[in-house]
Amino acid sequence: KCNPGKVNAALCTQAMIDNFGISALINVG
């Protein structure tokens, strides 16, 4: 869960990419 808003979303996305080596990402809601 990133919390609403673009900064929150960007922060969460970069943390996920950096720490979990994801191969693809879906934003749902």
PDB file of all heavy atoms in Angstrom:
ATOM      1  N   LYS A   1       0.866  -1.181   0.000  1.00  0.00           N
ATOM      2  CA  LYS A   1       0.000   0.000   0.000  1.00  0.00           C
ATOM      3  C   LYS A   1       0.902   1.231   0.000  1.00  0.00           C
ATOM      4  O   LYS A   1       1.767   1.385   0.858  1.00  0.00           O
ATOM      5  CB  LYS A   1      -0.904   0.024   1.230  1.00  0.00           C
ATOM      6  CG  LYS A   1      -1.831   1.233   1.276  1.00  0.00           C
ATOM      7  CD  LYS A   1      -2.633   1.291   2.568  1.00  0.00           C
ATOM      8  CE  LYS A   1      -1.786   1.802   3.723  1.00  0.00           C
ATOM      9  NZ  LYS A   1      -2.586   2.071   4.940  1.00  0.00           N
ATOM     10  N   CYS A   2       0.684   2.124  -0.966  1.00  0.00           N
ATOM     11  CA  CYS A   2       1.561   3.300  -1.076  1.00  0.00           C
ATOM     12  C   CYS A   2       0.998   4.539  -0.389  1.00  0.00           C
ATOM     13  O   CYS A   2       1.755   5.485  -0.116  1.00  0.00           O
ATOM     14  CB  CYS A   2       1.845   3.606  -2.544  1.00  0.00           C
ATOM     15  SG  CYS A   2       0.396   4.100  -3.523  1.00  0.00           S
ATOM     16  N   ASN A   3      -0.320   4.569  -0.126  1.00  0.00           N
ATOM     17  CA  ASN A   3      -1.058   5.760   0.314  1.00  0.00           C
ATOM     18  C   ASN A   3      -1.302   6.677  -0.889  1.00  0.00           C
ATOM     19  O   ASN A   3      -0.538   6.669  -1.857  1.00  0.00           O
ATOM     20  CB  ASN A   3      -0.342   6.509   1.438  1.00  0.00           C
ATOM     21  CG  ASN A   3      -0.363   5.750   2.743  1.00  0.00           C
ATOM     22  OD1 ASN A   3      -1.394   5.219   3.138  1.00  0.00           O
ATOM     23  ND2 ASN A   3       0.783   5.667   3.420  1.00  0.00           N
ATOM     24  N   PRO A   4      -2.376   7.464  -0.839  1.00  0.00           N
ATOM     25  CA  PRO A   4      -2.756   8.265  -2.007  1.00  0.00           C
ATOM     26  C   PRO A   4      -1.744   9.354  -2.357  1.00  0.00           C
ATOM     27  O   PRO A   4      -1.070   9.903  -1.494  1.00  0.00           O
ATOM     28  CB  PRO A   4      -4.097   8.896  -1.567  1.00  0.00           C
ATOM     29  CG  PRO A   4      -4.625   7.980  -0.510  1.00  0.00           C
ATOM     30  CD  PRO A   4      -3.406   7.491   0.218  1.00  0.00           C
ATOM     31  N   GLY A   5      -1.662   9.645  -3.647  1.00  0.00           N
ATOM     32  CA  GLY A   5      -0.832  10.749  -4.114  1.00  0.00           C
ATOM     33  C   GLY A   5       0.400  10.294  -4.862  1.00  0.00           C
ATOM     34  O   GLY A   5       0.916   9.193  -4.664  1.00  0.00           O
ATOM     35  N   LYS A   6       0.911  11.183  -5.710  1.00  0.00           N
ATOM     36  CA  LYS A   6       2.002  10.824  -6.610  1.00  0.00           C
ATOM     37  C   LYS A   6       3.336  10.625  -5.898  1.00  0.00           C
ATOM     38  O   LYS A   6       4.093   9.713  -6.252  1.00  0.00           O
ATOM     39  CB  LYS A   6       2.129  11.887  -7.698  1.00  0.00           C
ATOM     40  CG  LYS A   6       0.925  11.961  -8.622  1.00  0.00           C
ATOM     41  CD  LYS A   6       1.211  12.802  -9.861  1.00  0.00           C
ATOM     42  CE  LYS A   6       1.579  14.229  -9.479  1.00  0.00           C
ATOM     43  NZ  LYS A   6       1.943  15.056 -10.623  1.00  0.00           N
ATOM     44  N   VAL A   7       3.642  11.444  -4.910  1.00  0.00           N
ATOM     45  CA  VAL A   7       4.916  11.274  -4.198  1.00  0.00           C
ATOM     46  C   VAL A   7       4.922   9.958  -3.437  1.00  0.00           C
ATOM     47  O   VAL A   7       5.903   9.188  -3.479  1.00  0.00           O
ATOM     48  CB  VAL A   7       5.186  12.461  -3.253  1.00  0.00           C
ATOM     49  CG1 VAL A   7       6.406  12.183  -2.388  1.00  0.00           C
ATOM     50  CG2 VAL A   7       5.400  13.744  -4.042  1.00  0.00           C
ATOM     51  N   ASN A   8       3.847   9.669  -2.736  1.00  0.00           N
ATOM     52  CA  ASN A   8       3.743   8.397  -2.022  1.00  0.00           C
ATOM     53  C   ASN A   8       3.870   7.216  -2.973  1.00  0.00           C
ATOM     54  O   ASN A   8       4.543   6.218  -2.678  1.00  0.00           O
ATOM     55  CB  ASN A   8       2.413   8.314  -1.271  1.00  0.00           C
ATOM     56  CG  ASN A   8       2.337   9.249  -0.082  1.00  0.00           C
ATOM     57  OD1 ASN A   8       3.339   9.488   0.583  1.00  0.00           O
ATOM     58  ND2 ASN A   8       1.162   9.779   0.180  1.00  0.00           N
ATOM     59  N   ALA A   9       3.215   7.316  -4.121  1.00  0.00           N
ATOM     60  CA  ALA A   9       3.254   6.234  -5.099  1.00  0.00           C
ATOM     61  C   ALA A   9       4.654   6.039  -5.658  1.00  0.00           C
ATOM     62  O   ALA A   9       5.125   4.899  -5.801  1.00  0.00           O
ATOM     63  CB  ALA A   9       2.272   6.536  -6.229  1.00  0.00           C
ATOM     64  N   ALA A  10       5.326   7.138  -5.976  1.00  0.00           N
ATOM     65  CA  ALA A  10       6.685   7.045  -6.524  1.00  0.00           C
ATOM     66  C   ALA A  10       7.654   6.469  -5.501  1.00  0.00           C
ATOM     67  O   ALA A  10       8.509   5.630  -5.826  1.00  0.00           O
ATOM     68  CB  ALA A  10       7.150   8.426  -6.985  1.00  0.00           C
ATOM     69  N   LEU A  11       7.529   6.904  -4.255  1.00  0.00           N
ATOM     70  CA  LEU A  11       8.400   6.419  -3.184  1.00  0.00           C
ATOM     71  C   LEU A  11       8.252   4.914  -3.006  1.00  0.00           C
ATOM     72  O   LEU A  11       9.253   4.174  -2.933  1.00  0.00           O
ATOM     73  CB  LEU A  11       8.048   7.143  -1.884  1.00  0.00           C
ATOM     74  CG  LEU A  11       8.887   6.845  -0.649  1.00  0.00           C
ATOM     75  CD1 LEU A  11      10.276   7.435  -0.800  1.00  0.00           C
ATOM     76  CD2 LEU A  11       8.209   7.412   0.595  1.00  0.00           C
ATOM     77  N   CYS A  12       7.028   4.448  -2.957  1.00  0.00           N
ATOM     78  CA  CYS A  12       6.754   3.025  -2.772  1.00  0.00           C
ATOM     79  C   CYS A  12       7.264   2.217  -3.965  1.00  0.00           C
ATOM     80  O   CYS A  12       7.861   1.139  -3.790  1.00  0.00           O
ATOM     81  CB  CYS A  12       5.260   2.823  -2.589  1.00  0.00           C
ATOM     82  SG  CYS A  12       4.750   1.112  -2.309  1.00  0.00           S
ATOM     83  N   THR A  13       7.047   2.724  -5.159  1.00  0.00           N
ATOM     84  CA  THR A  13       7.481   2.022  -6.369  1.00  0.00           C
ATOM     85  C   THR A  13       8.992   1.858  -6.408  1.00  0.00           C
ATOM     86  O   THR A  13       9.507   0.771  -6.691  1.00  0.00           O
ATOM     87  CB  THR A  13       6.992   2.760  -7.618  1.00  0.00           C
ATOM     88  OG1 THR A  13       5.568   2.913  -7.565  1.00  0.00           O
ATOM     89  CG2 THR A  13       7.372   2.013  -8.879  1.00  0.00           C
ATOM     90  N   GLN A  14       9.716   2.938  -6.124  1.00  0.00           N
ATOM     91  CA  GLN A  14      11.174   2.848  -6.159  1.00  0.00           C
ATOM     92  C   GLN A  14      11.706   1.917  -5.075  1.00  0.00           C
ATOM     93  O   GLN A  14      12.633   1.131  -5.314  1.00  0.00           O
ATOM     94  CB  GLN A  14      11.804   4.237  -5.998  1.00  0.00           C
ATOM     95  CG  GLN A  14      13.305   4.266  -6.294  1.00  0.00           C
ATOM     96  CD  GLN A  14      13.612   3.933  -7.740  1.00  0.00           C
ATOM     97  OE1 GLN A  14      13.146   4.600  -8.663  1.00  0.00           O
ATOM     98  NE2 GLN A  14      14.392   2.883  -7.963  1.00  0.00           N
ATOM     99  N   ALA A  15      11.089   1.955  -3.893  1.00  0.00           N
ATOM    100  CA  ALA A  15      11.503   1.057  -2.813  1.00  0.00           C
ATOM    101  C   ALA A  15      11.253  -0.399  -3.203  1.00  0.00           C
ATOM    102  O   ALA A  15      12.079  -1.275  -2.907  1.00  0.00           O
ATOM    103  CB  ALA A  15      10.756   1.398  -1.524  1.00  0.00           C
ATOM    104  N   MET A  16      10.143  -0.661  -3.874  1.00  0.00           N
ATOM    105  CA  MET A  16       9.846  -2.029  -4.302  1.00  0.00           C
ATOM    106  C   MET A  16      10.850  -2.502  -5.349  1.00  0.00           C
ATOM    107  O   MET A  16      11.367  -3.628  -5.281  1.00  0.00           O
ATOM    108  CB  MET A  16       8.415  -2.101  -4.842  1.00  0.00           C
ATOM    109  CG  MET A  16       7.994  -3.501  -5.279  1.00  0.00           C
ATOM    110  SD  MET A  16       6.275  -3.577  -5.876  1.00  0.00           S
ATOM    111  CE  MET A  16       5.355  -3.602  -4.332  1.00  0.00           C
ATOM    112  N   ILE A  17      11.153  -1.648  -6.305  1.00  0.00           N
ATOM    113  CA  ILE A  17      12.114  -2.005  -7.351  1.00  0.00           C
ATOM    114  C   ILE A  17      13.502  -2.240  -6.762  1.00  0.00           C
ATOM    115  O   ILE A  17      14.193  -3.211  -7.104  1.00  0.00           O
ATOM    116  CB  ILE A  17      12.151  -0.903  -8.431  1.00  0.00           C
ATOM    117  CG1 ILE A  17      10.831  -0.879  -9.210  1.00  0.00           C
ATOM    118  CG2 ILE A  17      13.327  -1.113  -9.382  1.00  0.00           C
ATOM    119  CD1 ILE A  17      10.675   0.312 -10.132  1.00  0.00           C
ATOM    120  N   ASP A  18      13.912  -1.373  -5.857  1.00  0.00           N
ATOM    121  CA  ASP A  18      15.256  -1.454  -5.285  1.00  0.00           C
ATOM    122  C   ASP A  18      15.456  -2.675  -4.399  1.00  0.00           C
ATOM    123  O   ASP A  18      16.554  -3.246  -4.343  1.00  0.00           O
ATOM    124  CB  ASP A  18      15.565  -0.197  -4.467  1.00  0.00           C
ATOM    125  CG  ASP A  18      15.792   1.031  -5.329  1.00  0.00           C
ATOM    126  OD1 ASP A  18      16.006   0.867  -6.546  1.00  0.00           O
ATOM    127  OD2 ASP A  18      15.742   2.146  -4.782  1.00  0.00           O
ATOM    128  N   ASN A  19      14.409  -3.087  -3.691  1.00  0.00           N
ATOM    129  CA  ASN A  19      14.580  -4.107  -2.652  1.00  0.00           C
ATOM    130  C   ASN A  19      14.054  -5.489  -2.998  1.00  0.00           C
ATOM    131  O   ASN A  19      14.400  -6.464  -2.317  1.00  0.00           O
ATOM    132  CB  ASN A  19      13.902  -3.628  -1.357  1.00  0.00           C
ATOM    133  CG  ASN A  19      14.615  -2.435  -0.748  1.00  0.00           C
ATOM    134  OD1 ASN A  19      15.681  -2.577  -0.153  1.00  0.00           O
ATOM    135  ND2 ASN A  19      14.028  -1.247  -0.896  1.00  0.00           N
ATOM    136  N   PHE A  20      13.243  -5.601  -4.065  1.00  0.00           N
ATOM    137  CA  PHE A  20      12.629  -6.896  -4.334  1.00  0.00           C
ATOM    138  C   PHE A  20      12.866  -7.416  -5.745  1.00  0.00           C
ATOM    139  O   PHE A  20      12.391  -8.499  -6.088  1.00  0.00           O
ATOM    140  CB  PHE A  20      11.135  -6.845  -4.021  1.00  0.00           C
ATOM    141  CG  PHE A  20      10.856  -6.523  -2.575  1.00  0.00           C
ATOM    142  CD1 PHE A  20      10.548  -5.229  -2.189  1.00  0.00           C
ATOM    143  CD2 PHE A  20      10.959  -7.499  -1.591  1.00  0.00           C
ATOM    144  CE1 PHE A  20      10.321  -4.913  -0.854  1.00  0.00           C
ATOM    145  CE2 PHE A  20      10.725  -7.195  -0.262  1.00  0.00           C
ATOM    146  CZ  PHE A  20      10.413  -5.906   0.115  1.00  0.00           C
ATOM    147  N   GLY A  21      13.571  -6.683  -6.563  1.00  0.00           N
ATOM    148  CA  GLY A  21      13.919  -7.174  -7.885  1.00  0.00           C
ATOM    149  C   GLY A  21      12.731  -7.602  -8.721  1.00  0.00           C
ATOM    150  O   GLY A  21      12.779  -8.622  -9.414  1.00  0.00           O
ATOM    151  N   ILE A  22      11.660  -6.842  -8.674  1.00  0.00           N
ATOM    152  CA  ILE A  22      10.450  -7.222  -9.406  1.00  0.00           C
ATOM    153  C   ILE A  22      10.689  -7.152 -10.919  1.00  0.00           C
ATOM    154  O   ILE A  22      11.453  -6.323 -11.411  1.00  0.00           O
ATOM    155  CB  ILE A  22       9.252  -6.341  -9.010  1.00  0.00           C
ATOM    156  CG1 ILE A  22       9.533  -4.864  -9.297  1.00  0.00           C
ATOM    157  CG2 ILE A  22       8.878  -6.556  -7.554  1.00  0.00           C
ATOM    158  CD1 ILE A  22       8.319  -3.987  -9.158  1.00  0.00           C
ATOM    159  N   SER A  23      10.015  -8.032 -11.628  1.00  0.00           N
ATOM    160  CA  SER A  23      10.155  -8.081 -13.084  1.00  0.00           C
ATOM    161  C   SER A  23       9.069  -7.285 -13.791  1.00  0.00           C
ATOM    162  O   SER A  23       9.205  -6.947 -14.976  1.00  0.00           O
ATOM    163  CB  SER A  23      10.117  -9.531 -13.560  1.00  0.00           C
ATOM    164  OG  SER A  23       8.919 -10.170 -13.145  1.00  0.00           O
ATOM    165  N   ALA A  24       7.978  -6.993 -13.103  1.00  0.00           N
ATOM    166  CA  ALA A  24       6.871  -6.207 -13.650  1.00  0.00           C
ATOM    167  C   ALA A  24       6.036  -5.692 -12.492  1.00  0.00           C
ATOM    168  O   ALA A  24       6.123  -6.211 -11.372  1.00  0.00           O
ATOM    169  CB  ALA A  24       6.019  -7.040 -14.593  1.00  0.00           C
ATOM    170  N   LEU A  25       5.219  -4.669 -12.746  1.00  0.00           N
ATOM    171  CA  LEU A  25       4.437  -4.055 -11.666  1.00  0.00           C
ATOM    172  C   LEU A  25       3.043  -3.703 -12.161  1.00  0.00           C
ATOM    173  O   LEU A  25       2.880  -3.181 -13.269  1.00  0.00           O
ATOM    174  CB  LEU A  25       5.145  -2.802 -11.150  1.00  0.00           C
ATOM    175  CG  LEU A  25       4.604  -2.181  -9.852  1.00  0.00           C
ATOM    176  CD1 LEU A  25       5.729  -1.506  -9.082  1.00  0.00           C
ATOM    177  CD2 LEU A  25       3.519  -1.151 -10.144  1.00  0.00           C
ATOM    178  N   ILE A  26       2.052  -3.984 -11.321  1.00  0.00           N
ATOM    179  CA  ILE A  26       0.672  -3.600 -11.593  1.00  0.00           C
ATOM    180  C   ILE A  26       0.206  -2.628 -10.516  1.00  0.00           C
ATOM    181  O   ILE A  26       0.342  -2.899  -9.328  1.00  0.00           O
ATOM    182  CB  ILE A  26      -0.265  -4.825 -11.606  1.00  0.00           C
ATOM    183  CG1 ILE A  26       0.105  -5.772 -12.749  1.00  0.00           C
ATOM    184  CG2 ILE A  26      -1.725  -4.387 -11.751  1.00  0.00           C
ATOM    185  CD1 ILE A  26      -0.651  -7.088 -12.710  1.00  0.00           C
ATOM    186  N   ASN A  27      -0.345  -1.508 -10.943  1.00  0.00           N
ATOM    187  CA  ASN A  27      -0.999  -0.572 -10.027  1.00  0.00           C
ATOM    188  C   ASN A  27      -2.503  -0.808 -10.136  1.00  0.00           C
ATOM    189  O   ASN A  27      -3.076  -0.745 -11.218  1.00  0.00           O
ATOM    190  CB  ASN A  27      -0.642   0.863 -10.410  1.00  0.00           C
ATOM    191  CG  ASN A  27      -1.369   1.906  -9.587  1.00  0.00           C
ATOM    192  OD1 ASN A  27      -1.782   2.937 -10.096  1.00  0.00           O
ATOM    193  ND2 ASN A  27      -1.536   1.664  -8.296  1.00  0.00           N
ATOM    194  N   VAL A  28      -3.118  -1.095  -8.995  1.00  0.00           N
ATOM    195  CA  VAL A  28      -4.524  -1.477  -8.984  1.00  0.00           C
ATOM    196  C   VAL A  28      -5.303  -0.573  -8.033  1.00  0.00           C
ATOM    197  O   VAL A  28      -4.765  -0.075  -7.046  1.00  0.00           O
ATOM    198  CB  VAL A  28      -4.672  -2.960  -8.558  1.00  0.00           C
ATOM    199  CG1 VAL A  28      -4.153  -3.186  -7.154  1.00  0.00           C
ATOM    200  CG2 VAL A  28      -6.111  -3.447  -8.679  1.00  0.00           C
ATOM    201  N   GLY A  29      -6.574  -0.338  -8.342  1.00  0.00           N
ATOM    202  CA  GLY A  29      -7.390   0.461  -7.436  1.00  0.00           C
ATOM    203  C   GLY A  29      -8.609   1.040  -8.114  1.00  0.00           C
ATOM    204  O   GLY A  29      -9.089   0.525  -9.120  1.00  0.00           O
TER     205      GLY A  29
END
